[in-house]
Amino acid sequence: MDKLLVTGGAGFIGSNLVDRLIGIGYEVVVVDNLLTGNKKNVNSKAIFYKEDVRNLEGLDKIFEKEKPRYVFHLAAGYLVQSLENPQRDAEINIIGTINVIELCLKHKVKRIVYSNSGGASYGEPLEIPLKEDHPINPLTPYGASKYAGEMYLYMYNKNQGLDYVSLRYSNIYGPRQNPKLEGGVISVFLKAFLENEKPIMRSDGTPTRDYAYVGDVVEANILAMKKGKPRGYHVATGIETSVVEIYKIMKEVLGKEIGYTLGSPRVGDPQRAVFDITSIKQDLGWKPKTSLREGIKLTAEWMKEELK
C-alpha cells in the first residue's frame, strides 16, 4: 500500500481522515504543529511529526525520510483567528501551502488533495445553489487565503504538471470539532445543550448553511486520491438548513427544551449558503450518506463522552 502524508492530521477533519486511512490499510504520516490540533486525536498507528508547514526545511526532512506517495493538505488557520491576525493566517494558508506544493514536486508525490473552504471563498452568494464557477468574493482573510492556495495549485499544475484535487467544503461538523476554534454552530450549540446553557444565535436564526458530516467528507478525500480532475469540487449535501432548524433538531435529538439567546452576527457571514454537488457526483462518484439528524446524534454521543 502507498504511504500517505496528512498535514493537519491532529485536527478535526484531519484526524478523522487518518483513522479511516489506517483502517483501510494505509501507512500514514501525520504532520501537525498542534496549534489547533490535539495530540490525543492522532491515531496510535500513525507516524507523527510535530512540525509547522511554514517551516520548509523541517518539512523537507520529513518528505525526504518518509517519501509519501500522496499528500492530503488540511493544515490551516481558522476563520475566527484570521480576523484577529490576518498576517498569521496568510503565512499558514498561503506560505504553508506553497511549501507543501514545492515539496510534492521535489519528492515526486503523485497527487495532492487540498482542503479548501467553499462558503468562505465565495462571500455573499450571487446565486443559489452555489456552483464551482461562482465568482470568488471572500469577505474574510481566511476565505481569501484558502482560495489563494487553490490558485497556486492551479498555477503549478499548468506550469509544472502538479496533479491535484481541491475539495471545497461546506459547513463540516462531527466528532472532534472544537467549539472554541472552528466556530461551527453544531458543535457550539451541542456543547451549550449538554451543559444546560442557552446557545447563542449570532443572527436572528434565519441564515442558512449546507451541513456535511465529517465521515462523508473523509470518504470524499479518499476518492479524490485516485479520482477527479485538477480542479475544485464542492463537498456538501445540497440541502439548505437554517440555524433555527438546527436548534429544533437538537431539541428533538437530545429531548431538551432549553431556549436560546440572540447575539451579534459574525463578520463576513453570508445570509445563505447551499452548494451544487453535481460535479463531485459525476467525477468522483461521491454523495453524502449521513442525514443531518443522524450526524447530530453521532456528534452528541461523542461530545457527551468528551464532557464527562
Protein backbone atom coordinates (compact mmCIF):
# COMPACT_ATOMS: atom_id res chain seq x y z
CA MET A 1 0.00 0.00 0.00
CA ASP A 2 1.11 3.57 -0.69
CA LYS A 3 2.41 5.71 2.17
CA LEU A 4 0.29 8.83 2.71
CA LEU A 5 1.05 12.13 4.43
CA VAL A 6 -1.66 14.20 6.12
CA THR A 7 -0.89 17.76 7.18
CA GLY A 8 -3.18 18.90 9.99
CA GLY A 9 -3.71 15.25 10.93
CA ALA A 10 -4.25 16.07 14.61
CA GLY A 11 -7.16 18.38 13.80
CA PHE A 12 -10.88 17.82 13.44
CA ILE A 13 -11.19 16.63 9.83
CA GLY A 14 -7.57 15.50 9.52
CA SER A 15 -7.64 13.08 12.44
CA ASN A 16 -10.91 11.52 11.24
CA LEU A 17 -9.30 11.06 7.82
CA VAL A 18 -6.18 9.48 9.35
CA ASP A 19 -8.28 6.98 11.32
CA ARG A 20 -10.13 5.93 8.17
CA LEU A 21 -6.96 5.64 6.06
CA ILE A 22 -5.28 3.47 8.66
CA GLY A 23 -8.46 1.44 8.98
CA ILE A 24 -8.33 0.51 5.29
CA GLY A 25 -4.67 -0.45 5.45
CA TYR A 26 -2.58 2.60 4.56
CA GLU A 27 0.60 3.68 6.33
CA VAL A 28 0.01 7.28 7.36
CA VAL A 29 2.39 10.09 8.31
CA VAL A 30 0.87 12.97 10.28
CA VAL A 31 2.37 16.47 10.31
CA ASP A 32 0.80 18.94 12.74
CA ASN A 33 2.14 21.84 14.81
CA LEU A 34 -0.61 21.26 17.42
CA LEU A 35 -1.56 24.95 17.28
CA THR A 36 -5.22 23.96 16.92
CA GLY A 37 -4.86 20.18 16.65
CA ASN A 38 -4.68 17.84 19.63
CA LYS A 39 -2.13 15.05 20.06
CA LYS A 40 -4.79 12.79 21.60
CA ASN A 41 -6.62 12.84 18.26
CA VAL A 42 -3.67 11.21 16.46
CA ASN A 43 -4.10 7.52 15.72
CA SER A 44 -1.52 5.45 17.63
CA LYS A 45 -0.60 3.63 14.39
CA ALA A 46 0.28 6.87 12.58
CA ILE A 47 3.83 8.21 12.27
CA PHE A 48 3.62 11.61 13.95
CA TYR A 49 5.80 14.70 13.46
CA LYS A 50 5.23 17.90 15.38
CA GLU A 51 6.13 20.34 12.62
CA ASP A 52 4.77 23.51 11.08
CA VAL A 53 4.01 23.75 7.35
CA ARG A 54 5.61 27.20 7.43
CA ASN A 55 8.97 25.55 8.18
CA LEU A 56 10.14 24.47 4.72
CA GLU A 57 13.41 22.94 5.93
CA GLY A 58 11.79 20.83 8.64
CA LEU A 59 9.04 19.71 6.28
CA ASP A 60 11.58 18.79 3.61
CA LYS A 61 13.33 16.39 6.00
CA ILE A 62 10.02 14.61 6.67
CA PHE A 63 9.29 14.24 2.95
CA GLU A 64 12.84 13.01 2.34
CA LYS A 65 12.61 10.37 5.08
CA GLU A 66 9.02 9.17 4.62
CA LYS A 67 8.64 9.51 0.82
CA PRO A 68 4.84 9.80 0.73
CA ARG A 69 3.03 8.79 -2.46
CA TYR A 70 0.00 11.02 -1.85
CA VAL A 71 -0.46 14.11 0.33
CA PHE A 72 -3.64 15.39 1.96
CA HIS A 73 -3.15 19.04 2.86
CA LEU A 74 -5.54 20.00 5.68
CA ALA A 75 -3.24 22.15 7.86
CA ALA A 76 -4.74 25.63 8.03
CA GLY A 77 -5.56 28.57 10.23
CA TYR A 78 -9.21 29.07 11.14
CA LEU A 79 -11.75 31.74 10.35
CA VAL A 80 -12.06 33.44 13.74
CA GLN A 81 -8.28 33.68 14.12
CA SER A 82 -7.92 35.11 10.60
CA LEU A 83 -9.97 38.15 11.60
CA GLU A 84 -7.72 38.78 14.59
CA ASN A 85 -4.40 38.05 12.86
CA PRO A 86 -4.61 38.09 9.04
CA GLN A 87 -0.81 38.04 8.74
CA ARG A 88 -0.50 34.69 10.53
CA ASP A 89 -3.47 33.37 8.57
CA ALA A 90 -1.70 34.19 5.29
CA GLU A 91 1.56 32.64 6.50
CA ILE A 92 -0.16 29.34 7.32
CA ASN A 93 -2.66 29.13 4.47
CA ILE A 94 -0.59 30.63 1.64
CA ILE A 95 3.12 30.21 2.50
CA GLY A 96 2.41 26.85 4.15
CA THR A 97 0.56 25.63 1.06
CA ILE A 98 3.33 26.79 -1.27
CA ASN A 99 5.83 24.87 0.88
CA VAL A 100 3.77 21.70 0.65
CA ILE A 101 3.36 22.11 -3.13
CA GLU A 102 7.09 22.67 -3.68
CA LEU A 103 7.93 19.56 -1.68
CA CYS A 104 5.33 17.48 -3.52
CA LEU A 105 7.08 18.40 -6.77
CA LYS A 106 10.58 17.89 -5.39
CA HIS A 107 9.78 14.47 -3.93
CA LYS A 108 7.59 13.36 -6.86
CA VAL A 109 4.35 12.97 -4.92
CA LYS A 110 1.67 11.51 -7.21
CA ARG A 111 -1.18 13.83 -6.14
CA ILE A 112 -2.07 16.41 -3.51
CA VAL A 113 -5.64 16.56 -2.17
CA TYR A 114 -6.28 20.07 -0.86
CA SER A 115 -8.93 21.03 1.69
CA ASN A 116 -10.45 24.37 0.70
CA SER A 117 -13.40 26.33 2.05
CA GLY A 118 -16.47 26.78 -0.07
CA GLY A 119 -18.56 29.31 1.82
CA ALA A 120 -15.63 31.45 2.98
CA SER A 121 -14.28 31.83 -0.56
CA TYR A 122 -17.48 32.85 -2.36
CA GLY A 123 -18.67 35.51 0.07
CA GLU A 124 -22.30 36.57 -0.30
CA PRO A 125 -23.86 34.23 -2.91
CA LEU A 126 -24.99 35.76 -6.19
CA GLU A 127 -26.96 32.59 -6.97
CA ILE A 128 -28.32 29.61 -5.04
CA PRO A 129 -27.23 26.85 -5.13
CA LEU A 130 -23.59 27.87 -5.49
CA LYS A 131 -21.77 26.28 -8.42
CA GLU A 132 -17.99 25.88 -8.69
CA ASP A 133 -17.76 28.67 -11.28
CA HIS A 134 -19.34 31.22 -8.91
CA PRO A 135 -17.29 34.45 -8.62
CA ILE A 136 -14.77 34.49 -5.77
CA ASN A 137 -15.64 37.38 -3.43
CA PRO A 138 -14.25 36.45 0.02
CA LEU A 139 -15.34 38.55 2.99
CA THR A 140 -12.70 37.26 5.43
CA PRO A 141 -8.90 36.84 5.38
CA TYR A 142 -9.45 33.09 5.80
CA GLY A 143 -11.65 32.89 2.69
CA ALA A 144 -9.09 34.85 0.67
CA SER A 145 -6.08 32.83 1.84
CA LYS A 146 -7.71 29.42 1.41
CA TYR A 147 -8.75 30.21 -2.14
CA ALA A 148 -5.27 31.57 -2.86
CA GLY A 149 -3.96 28.08 -2.05
CA GLU A 150 -6.19 26.61 -4.75
CA MET A 151 -4.95 29.20 -7.23
CA TYR A 152 -1.34 28.20 -6.53
CA LEU A 153 -2.29 24.57 -7.16
CA TYR A 154 -3.83 25.58 -10.49
CA MET A 155 -0.72 27.54 -11.45
CA TYR A 156 1.68 24.74 -10.53
CA ASN A 157 -0.49 22.27 -12.44
CA LYS A 158 -0.37 24.37 -15.61
CA ASN A 159 3.33 25.22 -15.34
CA GLN A 160 4.88 22.12 -13.77
CA GLY A 161 2.32 19.35 -14.11
CA LEU A 162 1.40 19.08 -10.42
CA ASP A 163 -1.58 16.74 -10.03
CA TYR A 164 -4.15 17.89 -7.50
CA VAL A 165 -7.79 17.93 -6.48
CA SER A 166 -9.20 20.75 -4.38
CA LEU A 167 -12.18 19.94 -2.17
CA ARG A 168 -14.29 22.99 -1.33
CA TYR A 169 -16.09 22.21 1.92
CA SER A 170 -19.45 23.44 3.03
CA ASN A 171 -20.05 23.64 6.82
CA ILE A 172 -18.48 20.48 8.20
CA TYR A 173 -19.44 19.09 11.61
CA GLY A 174 -18.93 15.94 13.64
CA PRO A 175 -16.82 14.30 16.35
CA ARG A 176 -13.63 16.16 17.36
CA GLN A 177 -14.80 19.56 16.16
CA ASN A 178 -13.64 22.04 18.77
CA PRO A 179 -16.42 24.53 19.56
CA LYS A 180 -13.79 27.05 20.72
CA LEU A 181 -11.88 27.07 17.42
CA GLU A 182 -13.80 26.38 14.24
CA GLY A 183 -16.90 28.15 15.46
CA GLY A 184 -19.16 25.54 13.88
CA VAL A 185 -22.73 26.20 15.04
CA ILE A 186 -23.49 22.50 15.59
CA SER A 187 -20.56 21.90 17.96
CA VAL A 188 -21.17 25.22 19.75
CA PHE A 189 -24.90 24.54 20.21
CA LEU A 190 -24.35 20.91 21.29
CA LYS A 191 -21.89 21.94 23.97
CA ALA A 192 -24.38 24.51 25.30
CA PHE A 193 -27.25 21.98 25.28
CA LEU A 194 -25.21 19.34 27.10
CA GLU A 195 -24.08 21.86 29.72
CA ASN A 196 -27.68 23.10 30.17
CA GLU A 197 -26.86 26.57 28.87
CA LYS A 198 -28.81 28.53 26.29
CA PRO A 199 -26.96 28.54 22.95
CA ILE A 200 -26.20 31.96 21.49
CA MET A 201 -27.54 32.58 17.99
CA ARG A 202 -25.28 35.07 16.26
CA SER A 203 -28.17 36.05 14.00
CA ASP A 204 -31.97 36.08 14.01
CA GLY A 205 -31.87 32.35 13.28
CA THR A 206 -32.75 32.65 9.58
CA PRO A 207 -29.26 32.34 7.97
CA THR A 208 -28.86 29.03 6.16
CA ARG A 209 -25.92 26.72 5.60
CA ASP A 210 -25.17 23.39 3.96
CA TYR A 211 -24.05 21.00 6.72
CA ALA A 212 -21.93 17.94 5.80
CA TYR A 213 -20.92 15.22 8.25
CA VAL A 214 -17.19 14.66 8.73
CA GLY A 215 -17.40 10.94 7.92
CA ASP A 216 -18.77 11.75 4.47
CA VAL A 217 -16.05 14.37 3.98
CA VAL A 218 -13.41 11.75 4.80
CA GLU A 219 -14.79 9.48 2.06
CA ALA A 220 -14.62 12.37 -0.43
CA ASN A 221 -10.92 12.82 0.40
CA ILE A 222 -10.20 9.14 -0.13
CA LEU A 223 -11.98 9.11 -3.50
CA ALA A 224 -10.11 12.28 -4.53
CA MET A 225 -6.81 10.47 -4.09
CA LYS A 226 -7.44 8.44 -7.24
CA LYS A 227 -10.41 10.11 -8.98
CA GLY A 228 -11.29 13.57 -10.21
CA LYS A 229 -9.65 16.22 -12.37
CA PRO A 230 -7.25 19.03 -11.33
CA ARG A 231 -9.98 21.44 -10.23
CA GLY A 232 -12.22 22.38 -7.31
CA TYR A 233 -15.18 20.24 -6.18
CA HIS A 234 -17.88 21.02 -3.66
CA VAL A 235 -18.13 18.63 -0.71
CA ALA A 236 -21.61 19.33 0.61
CA THR A 237 -25.15 17.96 0.76
CA GLY A 238 -27.04 20.37 -1.47
CA ILE A 239 -29.52 20.81 1.41
CA GLU A 240 -30.12 24.28 2.87
CA THR A 241 -30.76 24.37 6.63
CA SER A 242 -31.37 27.41 8.85
CA VAL A 243 -29.88 27.94 12.30
CA VAL A 244 -33.37 27.70 13.83
CA GLU A 245 -33.86 24.31 12.15
CA ILE A 246 -30.54 23.11 13.63
CA TYR A 247 -31.77 24.18 17.05
CA LYS A 248 -35.08 22.32 16.60
CA ILE A 249 -33.35 19.10 15.52
CA MET A 250 -31.09 19.27 18.59
CA LYS A 251 -34.10 19.74 20.87
CA GLU A 252 -35.63 16.58 19.45
CA VAL A 253 -32.43 14.51 19.40
CA LEU A 254 -31.47 15.46 22.96
CA GLY A 255 -35.01 15.71 24.34
CA LYS A 256 -34.32 19.13 25.86
CA GLU A 257 -36.25 22.41 25.82
CA ILE A 258 -33.60 24.95 26.75
CA GLY A 259 -34.26 28.15 24.76
CA TYR A 260 -31.62 30.37 23.18
CA THR A 261 -30.29 33.92 23.28
CA LEU A 262 -29.55 36.25 20.39
CA GLY A 263 -26.02 37.56 19.84
CA SER A 264 -24.20 39.77 17.33
CA PRO A 265 -23.66 38.45 13.79
CA ARG A 266 -20.08 37.43 12.92
CA VAL A 267 -18.11 39.50 10.39
CA GLY A 268 -18.16 38.04 6.88
CA ASP A 269 -21.07 35.66 7.39
CA PRO A 270 -23.38 35.46 4.34
CA GLN A 271 -27.14 35.11 4.81
CA ARG A 272 -27.49 31.95 2.72
CA ALA A 273 -25.25 29.13 1.50
CA VAL A 274 -26.02 25.84 -0.22
CA PHE A 275 -23.85 24.06 -2.77
CA ASP A 276 -24.39 22.28 -6.06
CA ILE A 277 -22.72 18.84 -5.88
CA THR A 278 -23.30 17.65 -9.45
CA SER A 279 -19.58 17.70 -10.35
CA ILE A 280 -18.32 15.59 -7.44
CA LYS A 281 -21.11 13.05 -8.01
CA GLN A 282 -20.14 12.72 -11.67
CA ASP A 283 -16.34 12.76 -11.42
CA LEU A 284 -15.68 11.09 -8.06
CA GLY A 285 -18.85 9.06 -7.61
CA TRP A 286 -19.33 10.66 -4.19
CA LYS A 287 -22.53 11.65 -2.46
CA PRO A 288 -23.35 12.35 1.20
CA LYS A 289 -24.74 9.41 3.16
CA THR A 290 -25.32 10.80 6.67
CA SER A 291 -28.51 12.73 7.36
CA LEU A 292 -28.31 15.86 9.48
CA ARG A 293 -30.34 14.26 12.26
CA GLU A 294 -28.11 11.15 12.32
CA GLY A 295 -24.95 13.27 12.16
CA ILE A 296 -26.07 15.44 15.07
CA LYS A 297 -26.90 12.30 17.06
CA LEU A 298 -23.43 10.82 16.42
CA THR A 299 -21.75 14.11 17.31
CA ALA A 300 -23.77 14.43 20.51
CA GLU A 301 -22.76 10.92 21.59
CA TRP A 302 -19.10 11.81 21.10
CA MET A 303 -19.42 15.13 22.92
CA LYS A 304 -21.15 13.52 25.91
CA GLU A 305 -18.06 11.38 26.41
CA GLU A 306 -15.76 14.38 26.00
CA LEU A 307 -17.61 16.40 28.62
CA LYS A 308 -17.53 13.66 31.28
